[in-house]
C-alpha atoms as a PDB file:
ATOM      1  CA  UNK A   1      20.464  13.087 -27.898  1.00  0.00           C
ATOM      2  CA  UNK A   2      21.575  16.059 -25.822  1.00  0.00           C
ATOM      3  CA  UNK A   3      24.449  18.438 -26.478  1.00  0.00           C
ATOM      4  CA  UNK A   4      26.750  16.392 -24.244  1.00  0.00           C
ATOM      5  CA  UNK A   5      25.857  13.280 -26.311  1.00  0.00           C
ATOM      6  CA  UNK A   6      23.884  11.698 -23.480  1.00  0.00           C
ATOM      7  CA  UNK A   7      20.511  10.098 -24.096  1.00  0.00           C
ATOM      8  CA  UNK A   8      17.156  11.561 -23.120  1.00  0.00           C
ATOM      9  CA  UNK A   9      14.227   9.297 -22.322  1.00  0.00           C
ATOM     10  CA  UNK A  10      10.969  10.994 -23.327  1.00  0.00           C
ATOM     11  CA  UNK A  11       7.777   9.745 -21.702  1.00  0.00           C
ATOM     12  CA  UNK A  12       4.392  11.116 -22.809  1.00  0.00           C
ATOM     13  CA  UNK A  13       1.374   9.845 -20.914  1.00  0.00           C
ATOM     14  CA  UNK A  14      -2.079  10.480 -19.586  1.00  0.00           C
ATOM     15  CA  UNK A  15      -3.073   9.024 -16.232  1.00  0.00           C
ATOM     16  CA  UNK A  16      -6.810   8.565 -15.800  1.00  0.00           C
ATOM     17  CA  UNK A  17      -8.190  10.174 -12.623  1.00  0.00           C
ATOM     18  CA  UNK A  18      -9.688   6.839 -11.523  1.00  0.00           C
ATOM     19  CA  UNK A  19      -6.299   5.118 -11.424  1.00  0.00           C
ATOM     20  CA  UNK A  20      -4.838   4.686  -7.985  1.00  0.00           C
ATOM     21  CA  UNK A  21      -1.300   5.191  -6.806  1.00  0.00           C
ATOM     22  CA  UNK A  22      -0.307   1.786  -8.239  1.00  0.00           C
ATOM     23  CA  UNK A  23       0.009   3.392 -11.662  1.00  0.00           C
ATOM     24  CA  UNK A  24       2.585   5.835 -10.280  1.00  0.00           C
ATOM     25  CA  UNK A  25       4.543   2.972  -8.743  1.00  0.00           C
ATOM     26  CA  UNK A  26       4.463   1.174 -12.091  1.00  0.00           C
ATOM     27  CA  UNK A  27       5.685   4.323 -13.855  1.00  0.00           C
ATOM     28  CA  UNK A  28       8.578   4.673 -11.419  1.00  0.00           C
ATOM     29  CA  UNK A  29       9.664   1.055 -11.860  1.00  0.00           C
ATOM     30  CA  UNK A  30       9.287   1.155 -15.648  1.00  0.00           C
ATOM     31  CA  UNK A  31      11.319   4.352 -15.931  1.00  0.00           C
ATOM     32  CA  UNK A  32      14.043   2.916 -13.684  1.00  0.00           C
ATOM     33  CA  UNK A  33      14.253  -0.210 -15.848  1.00  0.00           C
ATOM     34  CA  UNK A  34      14.302   1.740 -19.126  1.00  0.00           C
ATOM     35  CA  UNK A  35      16.927   4.161 -17.895  1.00  0.00           C
ATOM     36  CA  UNK A  36      19.165   1.296 -16.781  1.00  0.00           C
ATOM     37  CA  UNK A  37      18.636  -0.714 -19.965  1.00  0.00           C
ATOM     38  CA  UNK A  38      19.512   2.226 -22.212  1.00  0.00           C
ATOM     39  CA  UNK A  39      22.176   3.868 -20.027  1.00  0.00           C
ATOM     40  CA  UNK A  40      20.036   6.974 -19.864  1.00  0.00           C
ATOM     41  CA  UNK A  41      20.614   9.599 -17.181  1.00  0.00           C
ATOM     42  CA  UNK A  42      17.956  12.115 -18.254  1.00  0.00           C
ATOM     43  CA  UNK A  43      14.191  11.725 -18.405  1.00  0.00           C
ATOM     44  CA  UNK A  44      11.449  14.125 -19.485  1.00  0.00           C
ATOM     45  CA  UNK A  45       7.864  13.304 -18.517  1.00  0.00           C
ATOM     46  CA  UNK A  46       5.107  15.238 -20.258  1.00  0.00           C
ATOM     47  CA  UNK A  47       1.365  14.844 -20.082  1.00  0.00           C
ATOM     48  CA  UNK A  48      -1.340  14.810 -17.450  1.00  0.00           C
ATOM     49  CA  UNK A  49      -0.505  12.658 -14.435  1.00  0.00           C
ATOM     50  CA  UNK A  50      -3.443  13.982 -12.386  1.00  0.00           C
ATOM     51  CA  UNK A  51      -0.999  14.225  -9.486  1.00  0.00           C
ATOM     52  CA  UNK A  52      -3.296  16.648  -7.656  1.00  0.00           C
ATOM     53  CA  UNK A  53      -5.619  13.731  -6.904  1.00  0.00           C
ATOM     54  CA  UNK A  54      -2.854  11.981  -4.958  1.00  0.00           C
ATOM     55  CA  UNK A  55      -2.056  15.186  -3.082  1.00  0.00           C
ATOM     56  CA  UNK A  56      -5.730  15.744  -2.222  1.00  0.00           C
ATOM     57  CA  UNK A  57      -6.102  12.165  -0.970  1.00  0.00           C
ATOM     58  CA  UNK A  58      -2.998  12.575   1.202  1.00  0.00           C
ATOM     59  CA  UNK A  59      -4.211  15.886   2.643  1.00  0.00           C
ATOM     60  CA  UNK A  60      -7.643  14.405   3.392  1.00  0.00           C
ATOM     61  CA  UNK A  61      -5.941  11.530   5.212  1.00  0.00           C
ATOM     62  CA  UNK A  62      -4.030  14.002   7.389  1.00  0.00           C
ATOM     63  CA  UNK A  63      -7.259  15.775   8.369  1.00  0.00           C
ATOM     64  CA  UNK A  64      -8.923  12.640   9.775  1.00  0.00           C
END
């Protein structure tokens, strides 16, 4: 609980490098559902999402 008495959703995760972008879509949907179900307006995500792999794939696509 935060100082203003609002809830904080804490998400700790590790995303394997071999996982595609579907795992990020799942994370987005799951967080949306949890935040709605618990009337939560704050979320903190910690861990290793390996987001650089998505960025690299996108940049490689632009170079083709």
